[in-house]
Amino acid sequence: MASSHPFPGFPPPDHAIRDLLTRSQGEEEEKNRMLHFLHVLFEKTRNLLEINLNEAKTRSERITMFREYVTAGQNIERVGEDRREFYKTIVDEVEAVSLVYYLSSVFLHFTEDGE
């Protein structure tokens, strides 16, 4: 029996993250984007645990609270709003830095060619 859902897996995909990490712009840019994504992901996760989920006192409680946070409102077809917003802030930060990096490299290349 075929599934009527376009993505039969669970949990549903995080489209913003998938799009960010699968966009092809050359091997070096992809590597830098992935490394920056991981850095921002861990930084935002730490901030979430320290600020929003700070009532957790043990490792087990932190894990449980984080799981509950990222699965709240989730169903078979889409992720919950907290998870979507959590990843959106990460994608926005990675893309903003990637744009600055790109513009800096273009400017640097332009100024080096003009010498």
Protein backbone atom coordinates (compact mmCIF):
# COMPACT_ATOMS: atom_id res chain seq x y z
CA MET A 1 0.00 0.00 0.00
CA ALA A 2 1.53 3.31 -1.07
CA SER A 3 1.71 6.22 1.34
CA SER A 4 -0.27 9.35 0.54
CA HIS A 5 2.39 11.50 2.24
CA PRO A 6 5.22 12.85 0.08
CA PHE A 7 7.69 12.18 2.92
CA PRO A 8 6.70 8.91 4.60
CA GLY A 9 9.51 9.11 7.17
CA PHE A 10 9.21 10.33 10.71
CA PRO A 11 9.97 12.83 12.01
CA PRO A 12 9.04 15.06 9.09
CA PRO A 13 11.90 16.87 7.37
CA ASP A 14 13.17 20.28 8.41
CA HIS A 15 12.96 21.96 5.02
CA ALA A 16 15.02 25.04 5.93
CA ILE A 17 17.94 22.91 7.17
CA ARG A 18 17.76 20.55 4.20
CA ASP A 19 17.69 23.45 1.74
CA LEU A 20 20.58 25.20 3.48
CA LEU A 21 22.83 22.16 3.53
CA THR A 22 22.01 20.79 0.07
CA ARG A 23 22.38 24.03 -1.88
CA SER A 24 25.36 23.56 -4.18
CA GLN A 25 27.77 26.48 -4.43
CA GLY A 26 31.11 24.80 -4.74
CA GLU A 27 32.92 22.41 -2.45
CA GLU A 28 34.72 25.01 -0.31
CA GLU A 29 31.57 27.08 0.26
CA GLU A 30 29.58 23.94 1.11
CA LYS A 31 32.21 22.84 3.62
CA ASN A 32 32.31 26.28 5.25
CA ARG A 33 28.50 26.44 5.39
CA MET A 34 28.26 23.01 7.02
CA LEU A 35 30.94 23.83 9.60
CA HIS A 36 29.27 27.13 10.39
CA PHE A 37 25.89 25.40 10.63
CA LEU A 38 27.23 22.95 13.21
CA HIS A 39 28.82 25.74 15.21
CA VAL A 40 25.61 27.79 15.28
CA LEU A 41 23.49 24.68 15.98
CA PHE A 42 25.49 23.80 19.08
CA GLU A 43 25.65 27.43 20.22
CA LYS A 44 21.86 27.87 19.90
CA THR A 45 21.25 24.52 21.60
CA ARG A 46 23.44 25.53 24.52
CA ASN A 47 21.63 28.88 24.78
CA LEU A 48 18.24 27.18 24.67
CA LEU A 49 19.25 24.80 27.46
CA GLU A 50 20.77 27.55 29.60
CA ILE A 51 18.05 30.17 29.13
CA ASN A 52 14.74 28.58 28.14
CA LEU A 53 15.10 25.13 29.66
CA ASN A 54 17.19 26.08 32.68
CA GLU A 55 14.92 24.43 35.24
CA ALA A 56 16.34 21.04 34.24
CA LYS A 57 18.89 20.02 36.86
CA THR A 58 20.22 16.74 35.50
CA ARG A 59 21.46 15.55 32.13
CA SER A 60 18.43 13.29 31.81
CA GLU A 61 16.04 16.17 32.53
CA ARG A 62 17.80 18.39 29.96
CA ILE A 63 17.55 15.68 27.32
CA THR A 64 13.86 15.12 28.08
CA MET A 65 13.03 18.84 28.07
CA PHE A 66 14.91 19.44 24.82
CA ARG A 67 13.14 16.50 23.15
CA GLU A 68 9.78 17.79 24.36
CA TYR A 69 10.64 21.28 23.12
CA VAL A 70 11.54 20.18 19.59
CA THR A 71 8.65 17.72 19.26
CA ALA A 72 5.84 19.92 20.65
CA GLY A 73 3.12 20.31 18.03
CA GLN A 74 4.79 17.85 15.65
CA ASN A 75 2.74 15.42 13.60
CA ILE A 76 3.39 13.03 10.73
CA GLU A 77 3.28 15.84 8.16
CA ARG A 78 5.12 18.73 9.79
CA VAL A 79 7.35 19.78 12.64
CA GLY A 80 6.07 21.94 15.49
CA GLU A 81 6.41 25.71 15.64
CA ASP A 82 9.14 25.72 18.32
CA ARG A 83 11.33 23.42 16.26
CA ARG A 84 10.66 25.34 13.04
CA GLU A 85 11.55 28.64 14.74
CA PHE A 86 14.64 27.14 16.43
CA TYR A 87 16.03 25.97 13.10
CA LYS A 88 14.93 29.16 11.32
CA THR A 89 17.12 31.27 13.63
CA ILE A 90 20.05 28.96 12.89
CA VAL A 91 19.50 29.09 9.12
CA ASP A 92 19.10 32.88 9.19
CA GLU A 93 22.38 33.31 11.07
CA VAL A 94 24.28 30.89 8.83
CA GLU A 95 22.93 32.55 5.68
CA ALA A 96 23.73 36.04 6.96
CA VAL A 97 27.33 35.10 7.68
CA SER A 98 27.57 33.17 4.40
CA LEU A 99 26.41 36.28 2.53
CA VAL A 100 28.99 38.45 4.31
CA TYR A 101 31.67 35.85 3.58
CA TYR A 102 30.64 35.72 -0.08
CA LEU A 103 30.56 39.49 -0.48
CA SER A 104 33.93 39.79 1.29
CA SER A 105 35.50 37.23 -1.02
CA VAL A 106 34.05 38.92 -4.11
CA PHE A 107 35.29 42.32 -2.92
CA LEU A 108 38.71 40.90 -2.05
CA HIS A 109 38.93 39.24 -5.46
CA PHE A 110 37.86 42.46 -7.18
CA THR A 111 40.43 44.57 -5.33
CA GLU A 112 43.23 42.06 -5.95
CA ASP A 113 42.48 42.04 -9.69
CA GLY A 114 42.65 45.82 -9.79
CA GLU A 115 46.24 45.98 -8.57
